[in-house]
Each structure stands twice: as C-alpha cells, then as structure tokens.
Amino acid sequence: MSYTIAVVNFKLPSNFDDAVELVNPLTEIDVEKIENIYQQFHDEVIKLFPCLCSLPDEEIDNGVWSDGPLIDNFSVKAPVIGFSYSKAEEALPVVGELALNMGLSILDWQAEQVYNP
C-alpha cells in the first residue's frame, strides 16, 4: 500500500469532490513527452528523496517512494506519486511544499484535501 497524491500544473477546484472528478480521468491519459514543469519537479524531488531505482538493494526498504523509476509516474496528464506509508509523514510535507513553491497544485486522496499555490 502507498500514500498517493496527484500533482498538477493548474489550479484545482477547492472542493475535494470536484477536484477528484477533474483529476481522476487525467491520471489515465498518457502523454508523449513529459511536461517541463513535471520534469523539473521530478528532478528537484529526487535530489531530496532518491528514486528507488538509484538506491542499492540494501537501501530499497528505506526509500520514500512506493515505486520506481519515479519519472514513469509523470508520463500522464495528471501525475500520481506514491509514498511508502512508513515514509509519508516525513516526505509528504517536504514534497508538497516543493510542489506548491513551483506553482503546482496537489490532490491528496487520503486526506481528502486540495492544495493550490
């Protein structure tokens, strides 16, 4: 299991249900090329928390992400990134602040919250 959020490059409706209705279909639409802002976000976030694919085998269990390579999660209209539940409390605030500072919005399904920059 993982703790997942969507990160999008547009302002989300403040109502959680409206945001879910907008974002959910976009998580299934593949893109040919990852958008620059998502590439930049990915590059910054893996400086903070390395991708699982870059960790030695003995460190995988200490990784933050629930899957890898993390960049694969950005090949859709509304990227979804997952945190290992044991690391979500540590990593989510840091990743969320980075996203908001970069002008990205967040849909947090578990907390049923929407965050806009």
Protein backbone atom coordinates (compact mmCIF):
# COMPACT_ATOMS: atom_id res chain seq x y z
CA MET A 1 0.00 0.00 0.00
CA SER A 2 1.06 3.54 -0.57
CA TYR A 3 0.02 7.09 0.16
CA THR A 4 -0.67 8.77 -3.17
CA ILE A 5 -1.10 12.33 -4.34
CA ALA A 6 -1.67 13.89 -7.74
CA VAL A 7 0.44 16.86 -8.74
CA VAL A 8 -0.96 19.07 -11.49
CA ASN A 9 0.10 22.23 -13.29
CA PHE A 10 -3.23 24.01 -12.96
CA LYS A 11 -5.34 25.36 -10.12
CA LEU A 12 -7.71 22.79 -8.70
CA PRO A 13 -11.25 23.44 -7.52
CA SER A 14 -11.22 23.98 -3.76
CA ASN A 15 -13.98 21.40 -3.33
CA PHE A 16 -12.37 17.98 -2.94
CA ASP A 17 -15.07 16.05 -4.82
CA ASP A 18 -14.92 18.47 -7.75
CA ALA A 19 -11.14 18.18 -7.84
CA VAL A 20 -11.33 14.37 -7.83
CA GLU A 21 -13.82 14.43 -10.68
CA LEU A 22 -11.45 16.62 -12.69
CA VAL A 23 -8.18 14.85 -11.87
CA ASN A 24 -9.08 11.16 -11.89
CA PRO A 25 -9.60 10.87 -15.67
CA LEU A 26 -6.37 12.80 -16.32
CA THR A 27 -4.35 10.22 -14.40
CA GLU A 28 -5.13 7.74 -17.17
CA ILE A 29 -4.21 9.89 -20.19
CA ASP A 30 -0.67 9.20 -21.39
CA VAL A 31 1.47 11.95 -22.84
CA GLU A 32 4.19 11.60 -25.48
CA LYS A 33 6.56 13.95 -23.70
CA ILE A 34 6.72 14.81 -20.00
CA GLU A 35 5.89 18.49 -19.48
CA ASN A 36 8.84 20.66 -18.49
CA ILE A 37 7.38 21.65 -15.12
CA TYR A 38 6.86 17.99 -14.21
CA GLN A 39 10.39 17.12 -15.31
CA GLN A 40 11.74 19.98 -13.19
CA PHE A 41 9.66 18.88 -10.20
CA HIS A 42 10.86 15.30 -10.59
CA ASP A 43 14.49 16.40 -10.84
CA GLU A 44 14.19 18.50 -7.68
CA VAL A 45 12.28 15.93 -5.67
CA ILE A 46 14.76 13.13 -6.33
CA LYS A 47 17.52 15.39 -5.03
CA LEU A 48 15.65 15.32 -1.72
CA PHE A 49 14.49 11.71 -1.83
CA PRO A 50 16.35 9.48 -4.32
CA CYS A 51 14.43 7.34 -6.76
CA LEU A 52 14.19 3.70 -5.71
CA CYS A 53 15.96 2.72 -8.92
CA SER A 54 19.06 4.63 -7.83
CA LEU A 55 19.28 3.03 -4.39
CA PRO A 56 21.42 -0.02 -3.66
CA ASP A 57 19.38 -3.16 -2.98
CA GLU A 58 20.05 -2.99 0.76
CA GLU A 59 18.59 0.55 0.90
CA ILE A 60 15.35 -0.04 -1.03
CA ASP A 61 13.31 -0.52 2.14
CA ASN A 62 14.48 2.89 3.37
CA GLY A 63 13.31 4.66 0.21
CA VAL A 64 10.46 7.16 0.30
CA TRP A 65 8.70 6.21 -2.93
CA SER A 66 6.30 3.33 -3.41
CA ASP A 67 7.51 2.58 -6.93
CA GLY A 68 10.19 3.40 -9.43
CA PRO A 69 11.51 4.65 -11.63
CA LEU A 70 9.69 7.70 -10.33
CA ILE A 71 9.90 9.51 -13.67
CA ASP A 72 7.45 6.96 -15.14
CA ASN A 73 4.71 8.45 -12.95
CA PHE A 74 4.98 11.73 -14.84
CA SER A 75 4.04 10.39 -18.27
CA VAL A 76 0.34 11.21 -17.81
CA LYS A 77 -1.71 14.43 -17.82
CA ALA A 78 -2.06 14.34 -14.01
CA PRO A 79 0.96 12.65 -12.42
CA VAL A 80 0.38 10.48 -9.37
CA ILE A 81 3.23 9.83 -6.99
CA GLY A 82 3.17 7.36 -4.17
CA PHE A 83 4.96 7.35 -0.87
CA SER A 84 5.71 4.35 1.26
CA TYR A 85 3.28 4.65 4.18
CA SER A 86 6.14 4.47 6.66
CA LYS A 87 7.82 7.48 5.00
CA ALA A 88 4.78 9.60 4.07
CA GLU A 89 4.76 11.61 7.30
CA GLU A 90 8.40 12.59 6.75
CA ALA A 91 8.36 13.17 2.99
CA LEU A 92 4.88 14.44 2.11
CA PRO A 93 5.23 17.90 3.71
CA VAL A 94 8.60 18.44 2.02
CA VAL A 95 7.40 17.25 -1.39
CA GLY A 96 4.16 19.20 -1.01
CA GLU A 97 5.97 22.43 -0.17
CA LEU A 98 8.26 21.98 -3.15
CA ALA A 99 5.29 21.41 -5.46
CA LEU A 100 3.43 24.46 -4.19
CA ASN A 101 6.55 26.62 -4.43
CA MET A 102 6.89 25.53 -8.06
CA GLY A 103 3.29 26.59 -8.78
CA LEU A 104 1.86 23.07 -8.81
CA SER A 105 -1.39 22.01 -7.15
CA ILE A 106 -1.88 18.84 -5.12
CA LEU A 107 -4.80 16.48 -4.75
CA ASP A 108 -4.40 14.33 -1.65
CA TRP A 109 -6.88 11.46 -1.80
CA GLN A 110 -6.14 10.09 1.67
CA ALA A 111 -6.56 13.40 3.48
CA GLU A 112 -9.37 14.43 1.10
CA GLN A 113 -7.64 17.78 0.64
CA VAL A 114 -6.79 20.12 -2.22
CA TYR A 115 -3.75 22.39 -2.08
CA ASN A 116 -3.17 25.23 -4.52
CA PRO A 117 -0.16 27.55 -4.64
